[in-house]
N, C-alpha and C. Protein backbone atom coordinates (compact mmCIF):
# COMPACT_ATOMS: atom_id res chain seq x y z
N MET A 1 87.49 8.58 -49.29
CA MET A 1 86.09 8.36 -49.02
C MET A 1 85.45 7.79 -50.30
N GLY A 2 84.79 6.62 -50.19
CA GLY A 2 84.18 5.97 -51.34
C GLY A 2 82.83 6.59 -51.68
N LEU A 3 82.39 6.30 -52.87
CA LEU A 3 81.08 6.78 -53.29
C LEU A 3 79.98 5.98 -52.62
N ARG A 4 78.93 6.64 -52.23
CA ARG A 4 77.81 5.98 -51.57
C ARG A 4 76.74 5.67 -52.61
N ARG A 5 76.15 4.46 -52.49
CA ARG A 5 75.02 4.14 -53.36
C ARG A 5 73.86 5.05 -53.00
N TRP A 6 72.92 5.17 -53.92
CA TRP A 6 71.80 6.07 -53.68
C TRP A 6 71.01 5.67 -52.45
N PHE A 7 70.51 4.44 -52.43
CA PHE A 7 69.71 3.98 -51.30
C PHE A 7 70.09 2.54 -50.99
N SER A 8 70.05 2.19 -49.72
CA SER A 8 70.34 0.81 -49.34
C SER A 8 69.08 -0.03 -49.51
N VAL A 9 69.26 -1.34 -49.46
CA VAL A 9 68.12 -2.25 -49.59
C VAL A 9 67.15 -2.05 -48.42
N GLN A 10 67.68 -1.80 -47.23
CA GLN A 10 66.82 -1.57 -46.07
C GLN A 10 65.99 -0.30 -46.24
N GLN A 11 66.60 0.75 -46.76
CA GLN A 11 65.86 1.99 -46.98
C GLN A 11 64.72 1.77 -47.98
N LEU A 12 65.00 1.06 -49.05
CA LEU A 12 63.96 0.80 -50.05
C LEU A 12 62.85 -0.08 -49.50
N ALA A 13 63.21 -1.09 -48.69
CA ALA A 13 62.19 -1.97 -48.11
C ALA A 13 61.29 -1.19 -47.15
N VAL A 14 61.89 -0.37 -46.31
CA VAL A 14 61.09 0.42 -45.36
C VAL A 14 60.23 1.44 -46.12
N ALA A 15 60.80 2.04 -47.17
CA ALA A 15 60.04 3.01 -47.96
C ALA A 15 58.83 2.34 -48.61
N CYS A 16 59.00 1.13 -49.14
CA CYS A 16 57.88 0.42 -49.76
C CYS A 16 56.82 0.06 -48.73
N LEU A 17 57.25 -0.41 -47.57
CA LEU A 17 56.29 -0.78 -46.52
C LEU A 17 55.51 0.45 -46.04
N VAL A 18 56.21 1.52 -45.76
CA VAL A 18 55.54 2.74 -45.30
C VAL A 18 54.66 3.31 -46.42
N GLY A 19 55.13 3.23 -47.66
CA GLY A 19 54.33 3.70 -48.78
C GLY A 19 53.02 2.94 -48.91
N LEU A 20 53.07 1.61 -48.74
CA LEU A 20 51.84 0.82 -48.79
C LEU A 20 50.89 1.19 -47.65
N ILE A 21 51.43 1.35 -46.47
CA ILE A 21 50.59 1.70 -45.31
C ILE A 21 49.96 3.07 -45.51
N VAL A 22 50.75 4.05 -45.94
CA VAL A 22 50.22 5.40 -46.16
C VAL A 22 49.22 5.40 -47.32
N GLY A 23 49.54 4.68 -48.40
CA GLY A 23 48.66 4.64 -49.56
C GLY A 23 47.29 4.07 -49.24
N PHE A 24 47.27 2.88 -48.63
CA PHE A 24 45.99 2.26 -48.30
C PHE A 24 45.28 3.00 -47.17
N GLY A 25 46.04 3.50 -46.21
CA GLY A 25 45.43 4.25 -45.10
C GLY A 25 44.76 5.52 -45.58
N ALA A 26 45.45 6.27 -46.45
CA ALA A 26 44.87 7.51 -46.97
C ALA A 26 43.63 7.21 -47.82
N TYR A 27 43.70 6.15 -48.62
CA TYR A 27 42.55 5.78 -49.44
C TYR A 27 41.36 5.39 -48.55
N LEU A 28 41.59 4.54 -47.56
CA LEU A 28 40.49 4.09 -46.71
C LEU A 28 39.89 5.23 -45.90
N LEU A 29 40.72 6.18 -45.46
CA LEU A 29 40.18 7.31 -44.70
C LEU A 29 39.34 8.25 -45.56
N THR A 30 39.68 8.38 -46.83
CA THR A 30 38.95 9.32 -47.68
C THR A 30 37.88 8.66 -48.53
N ALA A 31 37.80 7.34 -48.52
CA ALA A 31 36.84 6.63 -49.36
C ALA A 31 35.66 6.07 -48.58
N THR A 32 35.34 6.65 -47.45
CA THR A 32 34.21 6.16 -46.68
C THR A 32 32.91 6.46 -47.41
N THR A 33 32.02 5.50 -47.42
CA THR A 33 30.73 5.66 -48.10
C THR A 33 29.61 5.28 -47.15
N SER A 34 28.43 5.76 -47.45
CA SER A 34 27.27 5.36 -46.67
C SER A 34 26.73 4.05 -47.24
N ALA A 35 26.09 3.27 -46.41
CA ALA A 35 25.55 1.98 -46.85
C ALA A 35 24.36 2.21 -47.77
N GLN A 36 24.36 1.52 -48.88
CA GLN A 36 23.27 1.63 -49.84
C GLN A 36 22.30 0.46 -49.63
N PRO A 37 21.00 0.72 -49.54
CA PRO A 37 20.05 -0.39 -49.38
C PRO A 37 19.94 -1.19 -50.68
N HIS A 38 19.81 -2.51 -50.53
CA HIS A 38 19.63 -3.36 -51.71
C HIS A 38 18.85 -4.60 -51.32
N PHE A 39 18.39 -5.33 -52.32
CA PHE A 39 17.62 -6.53 -52.08
C PHE A 39 18.55 -7.68 -51.70
N PRO A 40 18.17 -8.51 -50.73
CA PRO A 40 19.07 -9.58 -50.29
C PRO A 40 19.35 -10.64 -51.36
N GLU A 41 18.45 -10.81 -52.33
CA GLU A 41 18.67 -11.83 -53.36
C GLU A 41 19.52 -11.30 -54.52
N CYS A 42 19.92 -10.05 -54.44
CA CYS A 42 20.74 -9.45 -55.49
C CYS A 42 22.19 -9.36 -55.04
N LEU A 43 23.07 -9.35 -56.02
CA LEU A 43 24.50 -9.30 -55.76
C LEU A 43 25.07 -8.02 -56.36
N PHE A 44 25.69 -7.18 -55.48
CA PHE A 44 26.35 -5.97 -55.96
C PHE A 44 27.74 -6.33 -56.48
N ARG A 45 28.09 -5.80 -57.65
CA ARG A 45 29.45 -5.95 -58.17
C ARG A 45 29.80 -4.74 -59.01
N PRO A 46 30.51 -3.84 -58.67
CA PRO A 46 30.91 -3.44 -57.32
C PRO A 46 29.86 -2.53 -56.69
N GLU A 47 29.99 -2.35 -55.39
CA GLU A 47 29.11 -1.39 -54.71
C GLU A 47 29.57 0.02 -55.05
N ALA A 48 28.70 0.98 -54.83
CA ALA A 48 29.06 2.38 -55.09
C ALA A 48 30.23 2.76 -54.18
N GLY A 49 31.18 3.47 -54.73
CA GLY A 49 32.36 3.85 -53.96
C GLY A 49 33.36 4.59 -54.83
N PHE A 50 34.64 4.36 -54.54
CA PHE A 50 35.71 5.05 -55.24
C PHE A 50 36.67 4.04 -55.85
N ASP A 51 37.21 4.40 -57.00
CA ASP A 51 38.22 3.57 -57.65
C ASP A 51 39.54 3.77 -56.91
N PRO A 52 40.18 2.69 -56.43
CA PRO A 52 41.43 2.86 -55.66
C PRO A 52 42.59 3.39 -56.49
N TRP A 53 42.57 3.22 -57.81
CA TRP A 53 43.68 3.68 -58.65
C TRP A 53 43.57 5.15 -59.01
N THR A 54 42.36 5.65 -59.20
CA THR A 54 42.19 7.04 -59.63
C THR A 54 41.53 7.93 -58.59
N GLY A 55 40.80 7.36 -57.63
CA GLY A 55 40.08 8.14 -56.63
C GLY A 55 38.75 8.67 -57.12
N GLN A 56 38.34 8.32 -58.35
CA GLN A 56 37.08 8.80 -58.91
C GLN A 56 35.90 8.00 -58.33
N PRO A 57 34.76 8.65 -58.07
CA PRO A 57 33.58 7.92 -57.59
C PRO A 57 32.94 7.13 -58.73
N HIS A 58 32.26 6.05 -58.37
CA HIS A 58 31.52 5.26 -59.36
C HIS A 58 30.24 4.75 -58.73
N GLY A 59 29.26 4.48 -59.57
CA GLY A 59 27.98 3.95 -59.12
C GLY A 59 28.05 2.44 -58.92
N ALA A 60 26.93 1.88 -58.53
CA ALA A 60 26.86 0.44 -58.26
C ALA A 60 26.29 -0.31 -59.45
N THR A 61 26.63 -1.58 -59.54
CA THR A 61 26.03 -2.49 -60.50
C THR A 61 25.47 -3.66 -59.72
N GLU A 62 24.22 -4.01 -59.99
CA GLU A 62 23.54 -5.04 -59.22
C GLU A 62 23.04 -6.14 -60.16
N ASP A 63 23.35 -7.38 -59.82
CA ASP A 63 22.83 -8.54 -60.57
C ASP A 63 21.73 -9.20 -59.75
N CYS A 64 20.53 -9.31 -60.33
CA CYS A 64 19.40 -9.94 -59.64
C CYS A 64 18.88 -11.10 -60.48
N ALA A 65 18.54 -12.17 -59.80
CA ALA A 65 17.93 -13.31 -60.49
C ALA A 65 16.43 -13.08 -60.56
N GLN A 66 15.86 -13.24 -61.76
CA GLN A 66 14.43 -13.08 -61.93
C GLN A 66 13.85 -14.32 -62.60
N LEU A 67 12.64 -14.65 -62.18
CA LEU A 67 11.97 -15.80 -62.77
C LEU A 67 11.44 -15.44 -64.16
N VAL A 68 11.57 -16.39 -65.06
CA VAL A 68 11.04 -16.25 -66.41
C VAL A 68 9.75 -17.07 -66.48
N GLY A 69 8.91 -16.84 -67.47
CA GLY A 69 7.61 -17.50 -67.59
C GLY A 69 7.68 -19.02 -67.57
N ASP A 70 8.76 -19.65 -68.07
CA ASP A 70 8.83 -21.11 -68.09
C ASP A 70 9.38 -21.70 -66.80
N GLY A 71 9.58 -20.90 -65.76
CA GLY A 71 10.04 -21.40 -64.47
C GLY A 71 11.54 -21.31 -64.27
N SER A 72 12.29 -20.96 -65.30
CA SER A 72 13.74 -20.80 -65.15
C SER A 72 14.05 -19.39 -64.67
N THR A 73 15.29 -19.15 -64.36
CA THR A 73 15.69 -17.81 -63.91
C THR A 73 16.70 -17.23 -64.88
N LYS A 74 16.73 -15.93 -64.93
CA LYS A 74 17.74 -15.22 -65.71
C LYS A 74 18.29 -14.10 -64.84
N VAL A 75 19.50 -13.72 -65.14
CA VAL A 75 20.14 -12.66 -64.37
C VAL A 75 19.90 -11.32 -65.08
N VAL A 76 19.41 -10.37 -64.32
CA VAL A 76 19.16 -9.03 -64.83
C VAL A 76 20.15 -8.10 -64.16
N THR A 77 20.86 -7.32 -64.95
CA THR A 77 21.85 -6.38 -64.44
C THR A 77 21.26 -4.98 -64.41
N GLN A 78 21.41 -4.33 -63.27
CA GLN A 78 20.91 -2.96 -63.08
C GLN A 78 22.09 -2.07 -62.71
N ASN A 79 22.30 -0.99 -63.44
CA ASN A 79 23.36 -0.02 -63.13
C ASN A 79 22.74 1.17 -62.42
N TYR A 80 23.34 1.60 -61.33
CA TYR A 80 22.87 2.75 -60.56
C TYR A 80 23.85 3.90 -60.74
N PRO A 81 23.36 5.13 -60.77
CA PRO A 81 24.27 6.29 -60.91
C PRO A 81 25.08 6.50 -59.64
N ILE A 82 26.03 7.40 -59.74
CA ILE A 82 26.85 7.75 -58.57
C ILE A 82 25.96 8.42 -57.53
N PRO A 83 25.98 7.96 -56.27
CA PRO A 83 25.16 8.60 -55.23
C PRO A 83 25.56 10.06 -55.03
N ALA A 84 24.61 10.86 -54.61
CA ALA A 84 24.84 12.30 -54.46
C ALA A 84 25.93 12.61 -53.44
N ASP A 85 26.03 11.80 -52.36
CA ASP A 85 27.05 12.08 -51.35
C ASP A 85 28.46 11.76 -51.84
N LEU A 86 28.60 11.00 -52.92
CA LEU A 86 29.92 10.67 -53.47
C LEU A 86 30.28 11.51 -54.69
N ALA A 87 29.30 12.08 -55.36
CA ALA A 87 29.52 12.74 -56.64
C ALA A 87 30.47 13.94 -56.53
N ALA A 88 30.43 14.66 -55.44
CA ALA A 88 31.25 15.87 -55.31
C ALA A 88 32.59 15.59 -54.62
N ARG A 89 32.88 14.35 -54.29
CA ARG A 89 34.10 14.02 -53.55
C ARG A 89 35.06 13.20 -54.41
N ARG A 90 36.29 13.13 -53.96
CA ARG A 90 37.30 12.23 -54.53
C ARG A 90 38.06 11.62 -53.38
N ALA A 91 38.51 10.40 -53.56
CA ALA A 91 39.36 9.75 -52.57
C ALA A 91 40.82 9.92 -52.98
N ILE A 92 41.72 9.82 -52.02
CA ILE A 92 43.15 9.85 -52.35
C ILE A 92 43.51 8.51 -52.97
N PRO A 93 44.00 8.49 -54.21
CA PRO A 93 44.32 7.21 -54.85
C PRO A 93 45.49 6.52 -54.15
N VAL A 94 45.47 5.19 -54.14
CA VAL A 94 46.52 4.42 -53.49
C VAL A 94 47.90 4.73 -54.07
N PRO A 95 48.08 4.81 -55.41
CA PRO A 95 49.43 5.11 -55.91
C PRO A 95 49.97 6.47 -55.45
N LEU A 96 49.11 7.46 -55.33
CA LEU A 96 49.56 8.77 -54.85
C LEU A 96 50.02 8.68 -53.40
N GLY A 97 49.22 8.03 -52.55
CA GLY A 97 49.61 7.85 -51.16
C GLY A 97 50.89 7.04 -51.01
N PHE A 98 51.04 6.00 -51.85
CA PHE A 98 52.26 5.19 -51.83
C PHE A 98 53.47 6.05 -52.18
N GLY A 99 53.35 6.83 -53.24
CA GLY A 99 54.47 7.66 -53.68
C GLY A 99 54.88 8.68 -52.63
N VAL A 100 53.90 9.34 -52.02
CA VAL A 100 54.20 10.35 -51.01
C VAL A 100 54.84 9.71 -49.78
N GLY A 101 54.27 8.59 -49.32
CA GLY A 101 54.82 7.92 -48.14
C GLY A 101 56.23 7.41 -48.37
N ALA A 102 56.47 6.77 -49.52
CA ALA A 102 57.80 6.24 -49.82
C ALA A 102 58.81 7.37 -50.00
N LEU A 103 58.41 8.43 -50.66
CA LEU A 103 59.32 9.56 -50.88
C LEU A 103 59.72 10.21 -49.55
N LEU A 104 58.76 10.38 -48.65
CA LEU A 104 59.08 10.98 -47.35
C LEU A 104 60.06 10.12 -46.56
N VAL A 105 59.89 8.80 -46.60
CA VAL A 105 60.81 7.91 -45.89
C VAL A 105 62.21 7.98 -46.51
N LEU A 106 62.29 7.97 -47.83
CA LEU A 106 63.60 8.03 -48.48
C LEU A 106 64.30 9.36 -48.20
N VAL A 107 63.58 10.45 -48.24
CA VAL A 107 64.18 11.76 -47.96
C VAL A 107 64.63 11.83 -46.51
N ALA A 108 63.78 11.37 -45.59
CA ALA A 108 64.13 11.43 -44.17
C ALA A 108 65.31 10.52 -43.84
N SER A 109 65.33 9.32 -44.39
CA SER A 109 66.43 8.41 -44.08
C SER A 109 67.74 8.87 -44.71
N THR A 110 67.67 9.46 -45.89
CA THR A 110 68.88 9.98 -46.54
C THR A 110 69.41 11.19 -45.78
N ALA A 111 68.51 12.08 -45.36
CA ALA A 111 68.93 13.26 -44.60
C ALA A 111 69.53 12.85 -43.26
N ALA A 112 68.95 11.86 -42.61
CA ALA A 112 69.48 11.39 -41.33
C ALA A 112 70.87 10.78 -41.52
N GLY A 113 71.08 10.07 -42.63
CA GLY A 113 72.39 9.49 -42.90
C GLY A 113 73.44 10.54 -43.18
N VAL A 114 73.08 11.62 -43.84
CA VAL A 114 74.02 12.70 -44.13
C VAL A 114 74.43 13.40 -42.85
N TRP A 115 73.48 13.66 -41.95
CA TRP A 115 73.80 14.35 -40.71
C TRP A 115 74.63 13.49 -39.78
N GLN A 116 74.45 12.18 -39.81
CA GLN A 116 75.22 11.30 -38.93
C GLN A 116 76.67 11.20 -39.37
N ARG A 117 76.94 11.23 -40.67
CA ARG A 117 78.30 11.04 -41.17
C ARG A 117 79.09 12.33 -41.26
N ARG A 118 78.50 13.46 -40.98
CA ARG A 118 79.21 14.73 -41.10
C ARG A 118 80.23 14.84 -39.95
N PRO A 119 81.50 15.06 -40.26
CA PRO A 119 82.50 15.17 -39.19
C PRO A 119 82.31 16.44 -38.36
N ARG A 120 82.60 16.33 -37.11
CA ARG A 120 82.49 17.49 -36.22
C ARG A 120 83.77 18.32 -36.27
N SER A 121 83.59 19.59 -36.25
CA SER A 121 84.78 20.47 -36.24
C SER A 121 85.18 20.76 -34.80
N PRO A 122 86.48 20.81 -34.53
CA PRO A 122 86.93 21.04 -33.14
C PRO A 122 86.73 22.44 -32.65
């Protein structure tokens, strides 16, 4: 009986795909935010929400064009604090969801392979 490699290419590909789906799905389910009112002439970058890498909440930053006395415009940046409904929460970070999803697929596929190859006793 030859030695078996740790994981096949198919197992790793499926684990990565499932890990991405679980990672982004878990993040999107836990990172729901309420809509924040803003002025239509202003541009949010980024809107209040959660950081996908750490799951920490953050406030919004808004860039608004304002007229100056000589008729030209300048951009004014306004930073807003973390909204109260987000301050006490955290989202599941994408890397954590990816790791959990990929690990579960690798463990399940490896366990299924071990049970299939086990010889039956008479």
